[in-house]
C-alpha cells in the first residue's frame, strides 16, 4: 500500500490536471473525476 504522502501528491496532481484547460474531452474528464473521487474516499477512510 502506498503511504499517505504519495497518495496525497497523486490526488493533488490529478486535481490540477482535471482543472487545466487541456482536459476538455468529456470522457477523459469523467474518468479523472471518478478516479479523484476514489482517491478521496481512500484518504477519508484512513482517517476514520
Protein backbone atom coordinates (compact mmCIF):
# COMPACT_ATOMS: atom_id res chain seq x y z
CA UNK A 1 0.00 0.00 0.00
CA UNK A 2 1.24 3.48 -0.78
CA UNK A 3 1.94 5.87 2.05
CA UNK A 4 -0.38 8.78 2.66
CA UNK A 5 2.04 11.42 1.34
CA UNK A 6 2.35 9.64 -2.00
CA UNK A 7 -1.44 9.30 -2.31
CA UNK A 8 -1.92 12.98 -1.47
CA UNK A 9 0.65 14.01 -4.10
CA UNK A 10 -1.15 11.93 -6.72
CA UNK A 11 -4.50 13.39 -5.68
CA UNK A 12 -3.22 16.96 -5.97
CA UNK A 13 -1.65 16.19 -9.36
CA UNK A 14 -4.93 14.77 -10.67
CA UNK A 15 -6.88 17.70 -9.29
CA UNK A 16 -4.63 20.17 -11.11
CA UNK A 17 -4.78 18.13 -14.33
CA UNK A 18 -8.57 17.95 -14.19
CA UNK A 19 -8.84 21.72 -13.75
CA UNK A 20 -6.47 22.52 -16.64
CA UNK A 21 -7.86 23.76 -19.95
CA UNK A 22 -6.38 20.78 -21.78
CA UNK A 23 -8.77 18.36 -20.06
CA UNK A 24 -11.82 19.31 -22.10
CA UNK A 25 -12.62 15.90 -23.59
CA UNK A 26 -15.67 14.74 -21.63
CA UNK A 27 -14.71 11.05 -21.43
CA UNK A 28 -11.26 11.80 -20.03
CA UNK A 29 -12.70 14.40 -17.68
CA UNK A 30 -15.26 11.93 -16.37
CA UNK A 31 -12.62 9.22 -15.85
CA UNK A 32 -10.44 11.60 -13.82
CA UNK A 33 -13.44 12.70 -11.77
CA UNK A 34 -14.17 9.09 -10.77
CA UNK A 35 -10.50 8.41 -10.04
CA UNK A 36 -10.19 11.58 -7.96
CA UNK A 37 -13.32 10.64 -6.00
CA UNK A 38 -11.99 7.14 -5.32
CA UNK A 39 -8.69 8.51 -4.00
CA UNK A 40 -10.61 10.93 -1.78
CA UNK A 41 -12.61 8.04 -0.32
CA UNK A 42 -9.42 6.12 0.45
CA UNK A 43 -7.95 9.13 2.26
CA UNK A 44 -11.15 9.66 4.25
CA UNK A 45 -11.43 6.01 5.30
CA UNK A 46 -7.87 6.02 6.63
CA UNK A 47 -8.72 8.93 8.96
CA UNK A 48 -11.93 7.45 10.39
